[in-house]
Amino acid sequence: MTSRTLEIWVGIFVAAGLAALFMLAMKVSNLAAYQTGPSYEVTARFEDVSGLKVRSPVTMAGVRIGRVKRIEFDDEALQAVVTLEIDKRHNRLPRDTSASIYTAGLLGEKYVGLEAGGEEESLKPGDRIRLTQDSMVLEKLIAQFIAKFIEDKNP
């Protein structure tokens, strides 16, 4: 190969590497995957939303159906209020749908998982999801394990 051909291949390799880094950055920052179209908002209250962020995915049956639009703190109830933006196509979620905060993948991205209930009436814009399960915090689990271990050692 001539020097010129080698330089071209090196340039192509560097460009491909930069494109791969850009795609990884978009995936990690959670910006690329979901474009918002017509949607409606529902809220859910949680005791602990550790690690959940605005724009985190909202999924049902493993399929992304929306995003977290807002996370606020209610000073009176002392709870986090999470506003979920659900794609308008998914307007038949039962009123007794439950929401849980889960962790996905190695990077530990948090997301809201919805599970359908059995009611025939659907959630409407502005409704509140009443059944919620908080984020699991690893530090709390370790503290409980250590406390139980110490308790078992010293009866």
N, C-alpha and C. Protein backbone atom coordinates (compact mmCIF):
# COMPACT_ATOMS: atom_id res chain seq x y z
N MET A 1 0.84 -1.18 0.00
CA MET A 1 0.00 0.00 0.00
C MET A 1 0.88 1.24 0.00
N THR A 2 0.36 2.22 -0.67
CA THR A 2 1.10 3.48 -0.70
C THR A 2 0.80 4.26 0.57
N SER A 3 1.60 5.26 0.78
CA SER A 3 1.44 6.09 1.97
C SER A 3 0.09 6.80 1.96
N ARG A 4 -0.35 7.22 0.81
CA ARG A 4 -1.63 7.94 0.68
C ARG A 4 -2.82 7.04 1.03
N THR A 5 -2.80 5.79 0.55
CA THR A 5 -3.87 4.85 0.85
C THR A 5 -3.92 4.54 2.34
N LEU A 6 -2.77 4.38 2.95
CA LEU A 6 -2.70 4.13 4.39
C LEU A 6 -3.28 5.30 5.18
N GLU A 7 -3.00 6.51 4.77
CA GLU A 7 -3.53 7.70 5.44
C GLU A 7 -5.06 7.76 5.33
N ILE A 8 -5.58 7.37 4.19
CA ILE A 8 -7.03 7.37 4.00
C ILE A 8 -7.68 6.35 4.92
N TRP A 9 -7.10 5.14 5.02
CA TRP A 9 -7.65 4.11 5.89
C TRP A 9 -7.58 4.52 7.37
N VAL A 10 -6.49 5.15 7.75
CA VAL A 10 -6.37 5.64 9.12
C VAL A 10 -7.44 6.70 9.39
N GLY A 11 -7.67 7.59 8.44
CA GLY A 11 -8.71 8.61 8.57
C GLY A 11 -10.09 8.01 8.71
N ILE A 12 -10.38 6.98 7.92
CA ILE A 12 -11.68 6.30 8.00
C ILE A 12 -11.83 5.63 9.36
N PHE A 13 -10.76 4.99 9.85
CA PHE A 13 -10.79 4.33 11.15
C PHE A 13 -11.03 5.34 12.27
N VAL A 14 -10.35 6.49 12.23
CA VAL A 14 -10.53 7.52 13.24
C VAL A 14 -11.96 8.08 13.19
N ALA A 15 -12.49 8.32 12.00
CA ALA A 15 -13.86 8.82 11.86
C ALA A 15 -14.87 7.82 12.41
N ALA A 16 -14.65 6.53 12.14
CA ALA A 16 -15.56 5.50 12.66
C ALA A 16 -15.49 5.46 14.19
N GLY A 17 -14.30 5.60 14.74
CA GLY A 17 -14.14 5.63 16.19
C GLY A 17 -14.84 6.81 16.82
N LEU A 18 -14.73 7.98 16.20
CA LEU A 18 -15.43 9.17 16.72
C LEU A 18 -16.94 9.00 16.62
N ALA A 19 -17.42 8.41 15.54
CA ALA A 19 -18.85 8.17 15.40
C ALA A 19 -19.34 7.20 16.48
N ALA A 20 -18.55 6.17 16.77
CA ALA A 20 -18.92 5.22 17.82
C ALA A 20 -18.95 5.90 19.18
N LEU A 21 -17.99 6.76 19.47
CA LEU A 21 -17.99 7.49 20.74
C LEU A 21 -19.20 8.41 20.85
N PHE A 22 -19.56 9.06 19.74
CA PHE A 22 -20.74 9.93 19.73
C PHE A 22 -22.00 9.11 20.02
N MET A 23 -22.15 7.96 19.40
CA MET A 23 -23.32 7.11 19.62
C MET A 23 -23.38 6.63 21.07
N LEU A 24 -22.23 6.28 21.64
CA LEU A 24 -22.18 5.85 23.03
C LEU A 24 -22.57 6.99 23.96
N ALA A 25 -22.09 8.19 23.67
CA ALA A 25 -22.45 9.35 24.49
C ALA A 25 -23.94 9.63 24.43
N MET A 26 -24.54 9.51 23.25
CA MET A 26 -25.98 9.72 23.12
C MET A 26 -26.77 8.65 23.88
N LYS A 27 -26.30 7.41 23.83
CA LYS A 27 -26.98 6.33 24.52
C LYS A 27 -26.91 6.53 26.04
N VAL A 28 -25.75 6.88 26.54
CA VAL A 28 -25.58 7.06 27.98
C VAL A 28 -26.36 8.27 28.47
N SER A 29 -26.39 9.34 27.68
CA SER A 29 -27.10 10.55 28.10
C SER A 29 -28.61 10.44 27.91
N ASN A 30 -29.05 9.36 27.24
CA ASN A 30 -30.47 9.09 27.11
C ASN A 30 -31.19 10.15 26.27
N LEU A 31 -30.53 10.71 25.28
CA LEU A 31 -31.15 11.75 24.47
C LEU A 31 -31.68 11.24 23.14
N ALA A 32 -31.12 10.20 22.61
CA ALA A 32 -31.38 9.84 21.23
C ALA A 32 -32.61 8.99 21.00
N ALA A 33 -32.99 8.16 21.94
CA ALA A 33 -33.88 7.06 21.64
C ALA A 33 -35.35 7.43 21.46
N TYR A 34 -35.83 8.44 22.07
CA TYR A 34 -37.28 8.64 22.11
C TYR A 34 -37.64 10.07 21.77
N GLN A 35 -38.33 10.24 20.68
CA GLN A 35 -38.82 11.57 20.32
C GLN A 35 -40.24 11.71 20.84
N THR A 36 -40.52 12.86 21.47
CA THR A 36 -41.85 13.05 22.00
C THR A 36 -42.78 13.56 20.91
N GLY A 37 -43.94 12.96 20.85
CA GLY A 37 -44.99 13.40 19.96
C GLY A 37 -46.17 13.77 20.82
N PRO A 38 -47.37 13.55 20.32
CA PRO A 38 -48.55 13.80 21.14
C PRO A 38 -48.52 12.90 22.38
N SER A 39 -48.73 13.48 23.54
CA SER A 39 -48.64 12.70 24.77
C SER A 39 -49.60 13.26 25.82
N TYR A 40 -49.71 12.54 26.92
CA TYR A 40 -50.48 13.02 28.06
C TYR A 40 -49.68 12.75 29.32
N GLU A 41 -50.00 13.47 30.38
CA GLU A 41 -49.24 13.37 31.62
C GLU A 41 -50.06 12.73 32.73
N VAL A 42 -49.39 11.88 33.49
CA VAL A 42 -49.94 11.34 34.73
C VAL A 42 -48.85 11.49 35.80
N THR A 43 -49.23 11.46 37.06
CA THR A 43 -48.26 11.61 38.14
C THR A 43 -48.25 10.35 39.00
N ALA A 44 -47.14 10.18 39.71
CA ALA A 44 -46.99 9.09 40.68
C ALA A 44 -46.17 9.63 41.83
N ARG A 45 -46.50 9.20 43.05
CA ARG A 45 -45.76 9.65 44.24
C ARG A 45 -44.93 8.50 44.78
N PHE A 46 -43.69 8.81 45.13
CA PHE A 46 -42.76 7.82 45.65
C PHE A 46 -42.10 8.35 46.92
N GLU A 47 -41.74 7.44 47.81
CA GLU A 47 -40.98 7.81 49.01
C GLU A 47 -39.51 8.06 48.65
N ASP A 48 -39.00 7.32 47.67
CA ASP A 48 -37.58 7.41 47.30
C ASP A 48 -37.43 7.21 45.80
N VAL A 49 -36.86 8.19 45.12
CA VAL A 49 -36.63 8.11 43.68
C VAL A 49 -35.13 8.18 43.36
N SER A 50 -34.31 7.71 44.27
CA SER A 50 -32.85 7.80 44.12
C SER A 50 -32.40 7.32 42.74
N GLY A 51 -31.69 8.17 42.03
CA GLY A 51 -31.13 7.83 40.73
C GLY A 51 -32.04 8.07 39.55
N LEU A 52 -33.32 8.29 39.77
CA LEU A 52 -34.23 8.57 38.66
C LEU A 52 -34.00 9.99 38.17
N LYS A 53 -34.03 10.18 36.86
CA LYS A 53 -33.75 11.49 36.28
C LYS A 53 -34.86 11.89 35.31
N VAL A 54 -34.93 13.18 35.06
CA VAL A 54 -35.81 13.68 34.01
C VAL A 54 -35.33 13.06 32.70
N ARG A 55 -36.24 12.65 31.84
CA ARG A 55 -36.01 11.97 30.57
C ARG A 55 -35.71 10.48 30.73
N SER A 56 -35.78 9.95 31.96
CA SER A 56 -35.64 8.50 32.13
C SER A 56 -36.81 7.82 31.45
N PRO A 57 -36.61 6.62 30.92
CA PRO A 57 -37.69 5.93 30.22
C PRO A 57 -38.82 5.49 31.14
N VAL A 58 -40.01 5.44 30.56
CA VAL A 58 -41.18 4.82 31.19
C VAL A 58 -41.52 3.64 30.30
N THR A 59 -41.55 2.45 30.89
CA THR A 59 -41.78 1.25 30.09
C THR A 59 -42.97 0.47 30.60
N MET A 60 -43.51 -0.34 29.71
CA MET A 60 -44.56 -1.29 30.08
C MET A 60 -44.31 -2.54 29.26
N ALA A 61 -44.23 -3.68 29.92
CA ALA A 61 -43.93 -4.96 29.26
C ALA A 61 -42.61 -4.88 28.51
N GLY A 62 -41.67 -4.08 29.01
CA GLY A 62 -40.36 -3.95 28.40
C GLY A 62 -40.29 -3.01 27.21
N VAL A 63 -41.41 -2.36 26.88
CA VAL A 63 -41.45 -1.45 25.72
C VAL A 63 -41.54 -0.02 26.23
N ARG A 64 -40.71 0.85 25.68
CA ARG A 64 -40.73 2.25 26.10
C ARG A 64 -42.00 2.92 25.58
N ILE A 65 -42.78 3.48 26.53
CA ILE A 65 -44.03 4.15 26.14
C ILE A 65 -44.05 5.61 26.54
N GLY A 66 -42.98 6.08 27.15
CA GLY A 66 -42.93 7.47 27.56
C GLY A 66 -41.63 7.82 28.25
N ARG A 67 -41.65 8.99 28.89
CA ARG A 67 -40.47 9.50 29.60
C ARG A 67 -40.90 10.18 30.89
N VAL A 68 -39.95 10.30 31.81
CA VAL A 68 -40.17 11.10 33.02
C VAL A 68 -40.03 12.55 32.61
N LYS A 69 -41.05 13.33 32.84
CA LYS A 69 -41.03 14.73 32.43
C LYS A 69 -40.52 15.64 33.55
N ARG A 70 -40.92 15.35 34.79
CA ARG A 70 -40.58 16.25 35.90
C ARG A 70 -40.49 15.44 37.18
N ILE A 71 -39.57 15.85 38.07
CA ILE A 71 -39.48 15.27 39.41
C ILE A 71 -39.47 16.43 40.39
N GLU A 72 -40.45 16.44 41.29
CA GLU A 72 -40.58 17.52 42.26
C GLU A 72 -40.72 16.93 43.66
N PHE A 73 -40.59 17.77 44.67
CA PHE A 73 -40.76 17.34 46.05
C PHE A 73 -41.97 18.03 46.65
N ASP A 74 -42.87 17.25 47.23
CA ASP A 74 -44.05 17.78 47.90
C ASP A 74 -43.70 18.00 49.36
N ASP A 75 -43.61 19.28 49.77
CA ASP A 75 -43.21 19.63 51.14
C ASP A 75 -44.21 19.19 52.19
N GLU A 76 -45.46 19.06 51.83
CA GLU A 76 -46.47 18.68 52.80
C GLU A 76 -46.54 17.17 53.01
N ALA A 77 -46.52 16.42 51.91
CA ALA A 77 -46.60 14.96 52.02
C ALA A 77 -45.21 14.34 52.21
N LEU A 78 -44.16 15.13 52.00
CA LEU A 78 -42.77 14.66 52.11
C LEU A 78 -42.51 13.48 51.18
N GLN A 79 -42.96 13.65 49.94
CA GLN A 79 -42.79 12.62 48.92
C GLN A 79 -42.30 13.26 47.62
N ALA A 80 -41.70 12.43 46.79
CA ALA A 80 -41.32 12.87 45.46
C ALA A 80 -42.53 12.67 44.54
N VAL A 81 -42.81 13.70 43.74
CA VAL A 81 -43.90 13.63 42.77
C VAL A 81 -43.26 13.55 41.39
N VAL A 82 -43.49 12.45 40.70
CA VAL A 82 -42.90 12.20 39.38
C VAL A 82 -43.99 12.35 38.34
N THR A 83 -43.76 13.24 37.38
CA THR A 83 -44.70 13.43 36.28
C THR A 83 -44.22 12.61 35.10
N LEU A 84 -45.08 11.71 34.63
CA LEU A 84 -44.76 10.82 33.51
C LEU A 84 -45.46 11.31 32.26
N GLU A 85 -44.72 11.40 31.19
CA GLU A 85 -45.26 11.80 29.90
C GLU A 85 -45.43 10.53 29.06
N ILE A 86 -46.68 10.12 28.85
CA ILE A 86 -47.00 8.87 28.15
C ILE A 86 -47.44 9.19 26.73
N ASP A 87 -46.92 8.43 25.78
CA ASP A 87 -47.29 8.59 24.37
C ASP A 87 -48.80 8.43 24.22
N LYS A 88 -49.42 9.32 23.47
CA LYS A 88 -50.88 9.35 23.29
C LYS A 88 -51.42 8.03 22.73
N ARG A 89 -50.61 7.30 21.98
CA ARG A 89 -51.07 6.01 21.43
C ARG A 89 -51.43 5.01 22.51
N HIS A 90 -50.83 5.20 23.71
CA HIS A 90 -51.04 4.26 24.81
C HIS A 90 -52.03 4.86 25.81
N ASN A 91 -53.24 5.12 25.34
CA ASN A 91 -54.24 5.81 26.16
C ASN A 91 -55.24 4.87 26.81
N ARG A 92 -54.93 3.58 26.83
CA ARG A 92 -55.86 2.61 27.43
C ARG A 92 -55.25 1.92 28.65
N LEU A 93 -54.37 2.61 29.36
CA LEU A 93 -53.79 2.03 30.58
C LEU A 93 -54.86 2.03 31.67
N PRO A 94 -55.08 0.89 32.33
CA PRO A 94 -56.11 0.83 33.38
C PRO A 94 -55.81 1.81 34.52
N ARG A 95 -56.87 2.29 35.18
CA ARG A 95 -56.72 3.24 36.29
C ARG A 95 -55.90 2.67 37.44
N ASP A 96 -55.93 1.35 37.63
CA ASP A 96 -55.18 0.75 38.73
C ASP A 96 -53.79 0.24 38.30
N THR A 97 -53.25 0.86 37.27
CA THR A 97 -51.88 0.57 36.85
C THR A 97 -50.93 0.92 37.98
N SER A 98 -49.89 0.11 38.16
CA SER A 98 -48.90 0.40 39.21
C SER A 98 -47.58 0.84 38.56
N ALA A 99 -46.80 1.62 39.32
CA ALA A 99 -45.51 2.14 38.83
C ALA A 99 -44.42 1.74 39.81
N SER A 100 -43.31 1.25 39.29
CA SER A 100 -42.16 0.87 40.10
C SER A 100 -40.91 1.47 39.46
N ILE A 101 -39.92 1.75 40.29
CA ILE A 101 -38.64 2.26 39.79
C ILE A 101 -37.65 1.10 39.78
N TYR A 102 -37.09 0.83 38.62
CA TYR A 102 -36.15 -0.28 38.43
C TYR A 102 -34.80 0.25 37.97
N THR A 103 -33.79 -0.64 38.03
CA THR A 103 -32.46 -0.33 37.52
C THR A 103 -32.19 -1.22 36.32
N ALA A 104 -31.65 -0.63 35.26
CA ALA A 104 -31.36 -1.39 34.05
C ALA A 104 -29.88 -1.36 33.73
N GLY A 105 -29.37 -2.47 33.27
CA GLY A 105 -28.03 -2.52 32.71
C GLY A 105 -26.90 -2.32 33.70
N LEU A 106 -25.70 -2.36 33.15
CA LEU A 106 -24.49 -2.22 33.96
C LEU A 106 -24.28 -0.80 34.46
N LEU A 107 -24.77 0.18 33.71
CA LEU A 107 -24.58 1.57 34.10
C LEU A 107 -25.54 2.00 35.19
N GLY A 108 -26.52 1.16 35.49
CA GLY A 108 -27.42 1.45 36.58
C GLY A 108 -28.44 2.53 36.26
N GLU A 109 -28.83 2.66 35.00
CA GLU A 109 -29.84 3.64 34.63
C GLU A 109 -31.17 3.27 35.28
N LYS A 110 -31.81 4.22 35.91
CA LYS A 110 -33.11 3.99 36.53
C LYS A 110 -34.22 4.30 35.52
N TYR A 111 -35.31 3.58 35.63
CA TYR A 111 -36.46 3.82 34.78
C TYR A 111 -37.72 3.47 35.54
N VAL A 112 -38.85 3.95 35.05
CA VAL A 112 -40.14 3.66 35.66
C VAL A 112 -40.81 2.56 34.85
N GLY A 113 -41.15 1.48 35.53
CA GLY A 113 -41.86 0.38 34.89
C GLY A 113 -43.31 0.39 35.31
N LEU A 114 -44.21 0.35 34.35
CA LEU A 114 -45.65 0.32 34.64
C LEU A 114 -46.16 -1.10 34.47
N GLU A 115 -47.10 -1.46 35.33
CA GLU A 115 -47.73 -2.77 35.25
C GLU A 115 -49.24 -2.57 35.26
N ALA A 116 -49.90 -3.15 34.28
CA ALA A 116 -51.34 -2.94 34.11
C ALA A 116 -52.13 -3.62 35.22
N GLY A 117 -53.19 -2.95 35.61
CA GLY A 117 -54.14 -3.52 36.58
C GLY A 117 -55.28 -4.17 35.83
N GLY A 118 -56.40 -4.34 36.52
CA GLY A 118 -57.53 -5.03 35.91
C GLY A 118 -58.75 -4.18 35.67
N GLU A 119 -58.72 -2.91 36.05
CA GLU A 119 -59.90 -2.06 35.87
C GLU A 119 -60.17 -1.81 34.38
N GLU A 120 -61.44 -1.60 34.08
CA GLU A 120 -61.79 -1.30 32.69
C GLU A 120 -61.62 0.17 32.36
N GLU A 121 -61.78 1.05 33.36
CA GLU A 121 -61.62 2.48 33.13
C GLU A 121 -60.14 2.81 32.97
N SER A 122 -59.84 3.72 32.03
CA SER A 122 -58.45 4.06 31.70
C SER A 122 -57.97 5.31 32.43
N LEU A 123 -56.64 5.41 32.56
CA LEU A 123 -56.04 6.64 33.08
C LEU A 123 -56.31 7.78 32.12
N LYS A 124 -56.58 8.95 32.67
CA LYS A 124 -56.82 10.14 31.85
C LYS A 124 -55.71 11.14 32.13
N PRO A 125 -55.52 12.10 31.23
CA PRO A 125 -54.50 13.13 31.48
C PRO A 125 -54.72 13.79 32.83
N GLY A 126 -53.64 13.90 33.60
CA GLY A 126 -53.70 14.52 34.91
C GLY A 126 -53.99 13.56 36.05
N ASP A 127 -54.33 12.31 35.76
CA ASP A 127 -54.60 11.33 36.81
C ASP A 127 -53.33 10.98 37.58
N ARG A 128 -53.53 10.33 38.71
CA ARG A 128 -52.42 9.92 39.56
C ARG A 128 -52.39 8.40 39.66
N ILE A 129 -51.20 7.83 39.48
CA ILE A 129 -51.01 6.40 39.68
C ILE A 129 -50.84 6.20 41.18
N ARG A 130 -51.72 5.41 41.78
CA ARG A 130 -51.76 5.29 43.23
C ARG A 130 -50.85 4.18 43.77
N LEU A 131 -50.66 3.12 43.03
CA LEU A 131 -49.83 2.00 43.48
C LEU A 131 -48.40 2.20 42.98
N THR A 132 -47.48 2.45 43.91
CA THR A 132 -46.09 2.70 43.51
C THR A 132 -45.14 1.89 44.38
N GLN A 133 -43.97 1.61 43.81
CA GLN A 133 -42.89 0.94 44.55
C GLN A 133 -41.63 1.75 44.33
N ASP A 134 -40.96 2.09 45.43
CA ASP A 134 -39.80 2.97 45.39
C ASP A 134 -38.57 2.31 44.75
N SER A 135 -37.60 3.17 44.51
CA SER A 135 -36.31 2.74 44.01
C SER A 135 -35.60 1.91 45.07
N MET A 136 -34.92 0.86 44.65
CA MET A 136 -34.14 0.05 45.58
C MET A 136 -32.75 0.69 45.69
N VAL A 137 -32.35 1.02 46.92
CA VAL A 137 -31.07 1.68 47.15
C VAL A 137 -30.10 0.66 47.73
N LEU A 138 -29.01 0.43 47.02
CA LEU A 138 -28.04 -0.59 47.40
C LEU A 138 -27.47 -0.35 48.80
N GLU A 139 -27.22 0.90 49.14
CA GLU A 139 -26.65 1.21 50.46
C GLU A 139 -27.59 0.79 51.58
N LYS A 140 -28.89 0.97 51.39
CA LYS A 140 -29.86 0.56 52.41
C LYS A 140 -29.88 -0.95 52.57
N LEU A 141 -29.79 -1.67 51.45
CA LEU A 141 -29.78 -3.13 51.51
C LEU A 141 -28.55 -3.64 52.24
N ILE A 142 -27.40 -3.04 51.95
CA ILE A 142 -26.17 -3.46 52.62
C ILE A 142 -26.26 -3.17 54.12
N ALA A 143 -26.78 -2.00 54.49
CA ALA A 143 -26.94 -1.65 55.90
C ALA A 143 -27.86 -2.64 56.61
N GLN A 144 -28.95 -3.05 55.97
CA GLN A 144 -29.86 -4.02 56.57
C GLN A 144 -29.19 -5.37 56.74
N PHE A 145 -28.41 -5.76 55.74
CA PHE A 145 -27.70 -7.04 55.81
C PHE A 145 -26.69 -7.03 56.95
N ILE A 146 -25.93 -5.95 57.08
CA ILE A 146 -24.94 -5.85 58.16
C ILE A 146 -25.62 -5.84 59.52
N ALA A 147 -26.72 -5.10 59.64
CA ALA A 147 -27.45 -5.06 60.91
C ALA A 147 -27.97 -6.45 61.28
N LYS A 148 -28.50 -7.16 60.32
CA LYS A 148 -29.00 -8.53 60.57
C LYS A 148 -27.85 -9.46 60.93
N PHE A 149 -26.71 -9.32 60.27
CA PHE A 149 -25.54 -10.15 60.54
C PHE A 149 -25.03 -9.91 61.96
N ILE A 150 -24.97 -8.65 62.37
CA ILE A 150 -24.52 -8.29 63.72
C ILE A 150 -25.51 -8.81 64.76
N GLU A 151 -26.80 -8.68 64.47
CA GLU A 151 -27.84 -9.15 65.38
C GLU A 151 -27.74 -10.67 65.58
N ASP A 152 -27.48 -11.41 64.52
CA ASP A 152 -27.35 -12.86 64.62
C ASP A 152 -26.10 -13.27 65.40
N LYS A 153 -25.04 -12.49 65.33
CA LYS A 153 -23.80 -12.78 66.04
C LYS A 153 -23.93 -12.52 67.54
N ASN A 154 -24.73 -11.52 67.91
CA ASN A 154 -24.90 -11.13 69.30
C ASN A 154 -26.36 -11.31 69.74
N PRO A 155 -26.76 -12.54 70.07
CA PRO A 155 -28.16 -12.76 70.43
C PRO A 155 -28.54 -12.17 71.77
